[in-house]
Amino acid sequence: MFGRLFTILLLMTLPVLARAGGLPPARDLQHDARESQATGRPILVFFMADSCSYCEQVRRLYLEPMYADASYRKRLIFRVVNVGDGRRMTDFRGKRTSQSDFADSEGVGLTPTIRFYDGGGKELVPQLRGYSSPDFYLAYLEQAVDSSIARLHRRNTVVGAATAISY
């Protein structure tokens, strides 16, 4: 009996697991921001919708392979926000909200959208919005990754220098 119940529960959760993929959902961006500050890694937030076929392509073709590569996880903090999801999360300022309301507060009206944030919840580079050029998307994504890391390191260096000289 228990084995049957377990099997039924597992089968019921498979669609949710498949949809989420291997990318971690945004649960506590304030915690992620502290981690970003401590490690110097930007936070990549992938705004997606369940009904968005382009989101599925971006997730499957680009983001999941990046997340599976340890060298990317050493450089970035990956998070997913489902714009139609009512699951609770904490935003960068410590406010409890839903994933849907957070996406609205960030002005995300089109999916897929990828944004890169620093430890203060500020965008580092222009967002990647939509998926109009599959032939060039990887290049755009790689450029955004590299630019966000460089910008965050420049900010941290300037802040570190200013802190070092202040009395």
C-alpha atoms as a PDB file:
ATOM      1  CA  MET A   1       0.000   0.000   0.000  1.00  0.00           C
ATOM      2  CA  PHE A   2       2.731   2.476   1.002  1.00  0.00           C
ATOM      3  CA  GLY A   3       4.698   1.701  -2.156  1.00  0.00           C
ATOM      4  CA  ARG A   4       1.672   2.416  -4.319  1.00  0.00           C
ATOM      5  CA  LEU A   5       0.976   5.699  -2.543  1.00  0.00           C
ATOM      6  CA  PHE A   6       4.610   6.732  -2.948  1.00  0.00           C
ATOM      7  CA  THR A   7       4.479   5.921  -6.673  1.00  0.00           C
ATOM      8  CA  ILE A   8       1.302   7.955  -7.145  1.00  0.00           C
ATOM      9  CA  LEU A   9       2.781  10.942  -5.296  1.00  0.00           C
ATOM     10  CA  LEU A  10       5.972  10.705  -7.325  1.00  0.00           C
ATOM     11  CA  LEU A  11       4.058  10.625 -10.600  1.00  0.00           C
ATOM     12  CA  MET A  12       2.037  13.667  -9.517  1.00  0.00           C
ATOM     13  CA  THR A  13       5.205  15.679  -8.842  1.00  0.00           C
ATOM     14  CA  LEU A  14       7.046  14.772 -12.058  1.00  0.00           C
ATOM     15  CA  PRO A  15       5.448  17.571 -14.136  1.00  0.00           C
ATOM     16  CA  VAL A  16       6.499  20.121 -11.515  1.00  0.00           C
ATOM     17  CA  LEU A  17      10.022  18.729 -11.365  1.00  0.00           C
ATOM     18  CA  ALA A  18      10.315  18.636 -15.156  1.00  0.00           C
ATOM     19  CA  ARG A  19       9.075  22.218 -15.456  1.00  0.00           C
ATOM     20  CA  ALA A  20      11.486  23.496 -12.832  1.00  0.00           C
ATOM     21  CA  GLY A  21      14.405  21.677 -14.396  1.00  0.00           C
ATOM     22  CA  GLY A  22      17.666  21.806 -12.519  1.00  0.00           C
ATOM     23  CA  LEU A  23      17.626  25.558 -11.959  1.00  0.00           C
ATOM     24  CA  PRO A  24      16.923  26.687  -8.390  1.00  0.00           C
ATOM     25  CA  PRO A  25      13.853  28.863  -7.805  1.00  0.00           C
ATOM     26  CA  ALA A  26      14.170  32.254  -6.159  1.00  0.00           C
ATOM     27  CA  ARG A  27      13.284  31.768  -2.506  1.00  0.00           C
ATOM     28  CA  ASP A  28      15.314  34.378  -0.634  1.00  0.00           C
ATOM     29  CA  LEU A  29      16.994  37.006  -2.809  1.00  0.00           C
ATOM     30  CA  GLN A  30      18.144  38.918   0.271  1.00  0.00           C
ATOM     31  CA  HIS A  31      20.179  35.856   1.288  1.00  0.00           C
ATOM     32  CA  ASP A  32      21.407  35.505  -2.305  1.00  0.00           C
ATOM     33  CA  ALA A  33      22.443  39.173  -2.237  1.00  0.00           C
ATOM     34  CA  ARG A  34      24.569  38.576   0.880  1.00  0.00           C
ATOM     35  CA  GLU A  35      26.127  35.569  -0.858  1.00  0.00           C
ATOM     36  CA  SER A  36      26.807  37.730  -3.929  1.00  0.00           C
ATOM     37  CA  GLN A  37      28.549  40.325  -1.770  1.00  0.00           C
ATOM     38  CA  ALA A  38      30.610  37.680   0.011  1.00  0.00           C
ATOM     39  CA  THR A  39      31.643  35.750  -3.101  1.00  0.00           C
ATOM     40  CA  GLY A  40      31.690  38.434  -5.808  1.00  0.00           C
ATOM     41  CA  ARG A  41      29.231  36.484  -7.961  1.00  0.00           C
ATOM     42  CA  PRO A  42      26.373  38.236  -9.793  1.00  0.00           C
ATOM     43  CA  ILE A  43      22.850  36.854  -9.401  1.00  0.00           C
ATOM     44  CA  LEU A  44      21.351  35.668 -12.702  1.00  0.00           C
ATOM     45  CA  VAL A  45      17.552  35.751 -12.448  1.00  0.00           C
ATOM     46  CA  PHE A  46      15.617  33.973 -15.175  1.00  0.00           C
ATOM     47  CA  PHE A  47      12.042  35.280 -15.389  1.00  0.00           C
ATOM     48  CA  MET A  48       9.886  32.669 -17.110  1.00  0.00           C
ATOM     49  CA  ALA A  49       6.300  31.531 -17.561  1.00  0.00           C
ATOM     50  CA  ASP A  50       4.967  27.973 -17.688  1.00  0.00           C
ATOM     51  CA  SER A  51       3.086  28.693 -20.918  1.00  0.00           C
ATOM     52  CA  CYS A  52       6.126  30.229 -22.660  1.00  0.00           C
ATOM     53  CA  SER A  53       7.703  27.878 -25.214  1.00  0.00           C
ATOM     54  CA  TYR A  54      10.614  30.290 -25.701  1.00  0.00           C
ATOM     55  CA  CYS A  55      11.288  30.141 -21.953  1.00  0.00           C
ATOM     56  CA  GLU A  56      11.511  26.377 -22.201  1.00  0.00           C
ATOM     57  CA  GLN A  57      14.034  26.672 -25.045  1.00  0.00           C
ATOM     58  CA  VAL A  58      16.191  29.211 -23.184  1.00  0.00           C
ATOM     59  CA  ARG A  59      16.085  27.068 -20.048  1.00  0.00           C
ATOM     60  CA  ARG A  60      16.841  23.789 -21.819  1.00  0.00           C
ATOM     61  CA  LEU A  61      19.361  24.971 -24.432  1.00  0.00           C
ATOM     62  CA  TYR A  62      21.321  27.584 -22.493  1.00  0.00           C
ATOM     63  CA  LEU A  63      20.659  27.959 -18.776  1.00  0.00           C
ATOM     64  CA  GLU A  64      20.519  24.329 -17.668  1.00  0.00           C
ATOM     65  CA  PRO A  65      23.776  23.442 -19.465  1.00  0.00           C
ATOM     66  CA  MET A  66      25.398  26.509 -17.892  1.00  0.00           C
ATOM     67  CA  TYR A  67      24.123  25.540 -14.446  1.00  0.00           C
ATOM     68  CA  ALA A  68      25.345  21.964 -14.909  1.00  0.00           C
ATOM     69  CA  ASP A  69      28.855  23.328 -15.572  1.00  0.00           C
ATOM     70  CA  ALA A  70      30.642  23.901 -12.251  1.00  0.00           C
ATOM     71  CA  SER A  71      32.709  26.736 -13.741  1.00  0.00           C
ATOM     72  CA  TYR A  72      29.527  28.778 -14.265  1.00  0.00           C
ATOM     73  CA  ARG A  73      28.245  28.045 -10.749  1.00  0.00           C
ATOM     74  CA  LYS A  74      31.550  29.397  -9.435  1.00  0.00           C
ATOM     75  CA  ARG A  75      30.936  32.641 -11.361  1.00  0.00           C
ATOM     76  CA  LEU A  76      27.151  33.138 -10.975  1.00  0.00           C
ATOM     77  CA  ILE A  77      24.250  32.561  -8.602  1.00  0.00           C
ATOM     78  CA  PHE A  78      21.349  31.136 -10.657  1.00  0.00           C
ATOM     79  CA  ARG A  79      17.702  31.746  -9.718  1.00  0.00           C
ATOM     80  CA  VAL A  80      14.349  31.287 -11.496  1.00  0.00           C
ATOM     81  CA  VAL A  81      11.246  33.444 -11.035  1.00  0.00           C
ATOM     82  CA  ASN A  82       8.009  32.136 -12.513  1.00  0.00           C
ATOM     83  CA  VAL A  83       5.980  35.252 -13.391  1.00  0.00           C
ATOM     84  CA  GLY A  84       2.676  33.414 -12.982  1.00  0.00           C
ATOM     85  CA  ASP A  85       3.498  31.696  -9.712  1.00  0.00           C
ATOM     86  CA  GLY A  86       2.056  32.618  -6.348  1.00  0.00           C
ATOM     87  CA  ARG A  87       4.796  30.833  -4.378  1.00  0.00           C
ATOM     88  CA  ARG A  88       6.218  33.010  -1.631  1.00  0.00           C
ATOM     89  CA  MET A  89       9.746  34.373  -1.727  1.00  0.00           C
ATOM     90  CA  THR A  90      11.809  37.149  -0.167  1.00  0.00           C
ATOM     91  CA  ASP A  91      12.919  40.031  -2.380  1.00  0.00           C
ATOM     92  CA  PHE A  92      16.260  41.866  -2.225  1.00  0.00           C
ATOM     93  CA  ARG A  93      14.998  44.202   0.535  1.00  0.00           C
ATOM     94  CA  GLY A  94      13.774  41.372   2.747  1.00  0.00           C
ATOM     95  CA  LYS A  95      10.080  41.826   1.890  1.00  0.00           C
ATOM     96  CA  ARG A  96       7.947  38.684   1.617  1.00  0.00           C
ATOM     97  CA  THR A  97       6.173  38.580  -1.736  1.00  0.00           C
ATOM     98  CA  SER A  98       5.083  36.140  -4.412  1.00  0.00           C
ATOM     99  CA  GLN A  99       7.163  35.317  -7.453  1.00  0.00           C
ATOM    100  CA  SER A 100       4.443  36.908  -9.585  1.00  0.00           C
ATOM    101  CA  ASP A 101       4.382  40.139  -7.561  1.00  0.00           C
ATOM    102  CA  PHE A 102       8.176  40.307  -7.562  1.00  0.00           C
ATOM    103  CA  ALA A 103       8.223  40.043 -11.369  1.00  0.00           C
ATOM    104  CA  ASP A 104       5.605  42.826 -11.527  1.00  0.00           C
ATOM    105  CA  SER A 105       7.624  45.028  -9.157  1.00  0.00           C
ATOM    106  CA  GLU A 106      10.650  44.541 -11.414  1.00  0.00           C
ATOM    107  CA  GLY A 107       8.610  45.560 -14.461  1.00  0.00           C
ATOM    108  CA  VAL A 108       8.983  42.200 -16.185  1.00  0.00           C
ATOM    109  CA  GLY A 109       6.196  42.028 -18.736  1.00  0.00           C
ATOM    110  CA  LEU A 110       7.755  39.758 -21.342  1.00  0.00           C
ATOM    111  CA  THR A 111       9.266  36.328 -20.941  1.00  0.00           C
ATOM    112  CA  PRO A 112      11.843  35.004 -21.202  1.00  0.00           C
ATOM    113  CA  THR A 113      13.837  37.730 -19.470  1.00  0.00           C
ATOM    114  CA  ILE A 114      17.252  37.308 -17.878  1.00  0.00           C
ATOM    115  CA  ARG A 115      18.625  39.914 -15.491  1.00  0.00           C
ATOM    116  CA  PHE A 116      21.906  40.132 -13.642  1.00  0.00           C
ATOM    117  CA  TYR A 117      21.875  41.723 -10.176  1.00  0.00           C
ATOM    118  CA  ASP A 118      24.538  42.760  -7.717  1.00  0.00           C
ATOM    119  CA  GLY A 119      24.428  42.204  -3.958  1.00  0.00           C
ATOM    120  CA  GLY A 120      22.307  45.321  -3.537  1.00  0.00           C
ATOM    121  CA  GLY A 121      19.613  44.159  -5.941  1.00  0.00           C
ATOM    122  CA  LYS A 122      20.696  46.582  -8.677  1.00  0.00           C
ATOM    123  CA  GLU A 123      20.927  45.507 -12.294  1.00  0.00           C
ATOM    124  CA  LEU A 124      24.468  45.187 -13.564  1.00  0.00           C
ATOM    125  CA  VAL A 125      23.901  45.082 -17.335  1.00  0.00           C
ATOM    126  CA  PRO A 126      20.967  45.525 -19.714  1.00  0.00           C
ATOM    127  CA  GLN A 127      18.530  42.635 -19.460  1.00  0.00           C
ATOM    128  CA  LEU A 128      18.128  39.947 -22.100  1.00  0.00           C
ATOM    129  CA  ARG A 129      14.451  40.130 -23.046  1.00  0.00           C
ATOM    130  CA  GLY A 130      12.755  37.728 -25.427  1.00  0.00           C
ATOM    131  CA  TYR A 131      14.265  35.127 -27.693  1.00  0.00           C
ATOM    132  CA  SER A 132      14.182  36.608 -31.166  1.00  0.00           C
ATOM    133  CA  SER A 133      17.607  35.508 -32.441  1.00  0.00           C
ATOM    134  CA  PRO A 134      18.382  31.907 -31.512  1.00  0.00           C
ATOM    135  CA  ASP A 135      21.480  31.967 -33.723  1.00  0.00           C
ATOM    136  CA  PHE A 136      23.031  34.719 -31.589  1.00  0.00           C
ATOM    137  CA  TYR A 137      21.415  34.115 -28.187  1.00  0.00           C
ATOM    138  CA  LEU A 138      24.342  32.208 -26.692  1.00  0.00           C
ATOM    139  CA  ALA A 139      26.721  35.000 -27.700  1.00  0.00           C
ATOM    140  CA  TYR A 140      24.406  37.616 -26.142  1.00  0.00           C
ATOM    141  CA  LEU A 141      24.107  35.545 -22.978  1.00  0.00           C
ATOM    142  CA  GLU A 142      27.862  34.968 -22.700  1.00  0.00           C
ATOM    143  CA  GLN A 143      28.501  38.673 -23.225  1.00  0.00           C
ATOM    144  CA  ALA A 144      25.985  39.559 -20.490  1.00  0.00           C
ATOM    145  CA  VAL A 145      27.601  37.034 -18.112  1.00  0.00           C
ATOM    146  CA  ASP A 146      31.099  38.393 -18.731  1.00  0.00           C
ATOM    147  CA  SER A 147      29.964  42.026 -18.539  1.00  0.00           C
ATOM    148  CA  SER A 148      28.020  41.518 -15.317  1.00  0.00           C
ATOM    149  CA  ILE A 149      30.994  39.816 -13.652  1.00  0.00           C
ATOM    150  CA  ALA A 150      33.369  42.562 -14.811  1.00  0.00           C
ATOM    151  CA  ARG A 151      31.014  45.318 -13.667  1.00  0.00           C
ATOM    152  CA  LEU A 152      30.488  43.690 -10.266  1.00  0.00           C
ATOM    153  CA  HIS A 153      34.235  43.282  -9.777  1.00  0.00           C
ATOM    154  CA  ARG A 154      34.814  46.931 -10.747  1.00  0.00           C
ATOM    155  CA  ARG A 155      32.146  48.039  -8.245  1.00  0.00           C
ATOM    156  CA  ASN A 156      33.643  45.885  -5.512  1.00  0.00           C
ATOM    157  CA  THR A 157      37.140  47.193  -6.264  1.00  0.00           C
ATOM    158  CA  VAL A 158      35.990  50.818  -6.094  1.00  0.00           C
ATOM    159  CA  VAL A 159      34.038  50.194  -2.894  1.00  0.00           C
ATOM    160  CA  GLY A 160      36.980  48.283  -1.414  1.00  0.00           C
ATOM    161  CA  ALA A 161      39.376  51.098  -2.336  1.00  0.00           C
ATOM    162  CA  ALA A 162      37.075  53.740  -0.878  1.00  0.00           C
ATOM    163  CA  THR A 163      36.676  51.722   2.304  1.00  0.00           C
ATOM    164  CA  ALA A 164      40.427  51.199   2.566  1.00  0.00           C
ATOM    165  CA  ILE A 165      41.199  54.919   2.442  1.00  0.00           C
ATOM    166  CA  SER A 166      38.386  56.219   4.608  1.00  0.00           C
ATOM    167  CA  TYR A 167      39.291  57.120   8.214  1.00  0.00           C
END
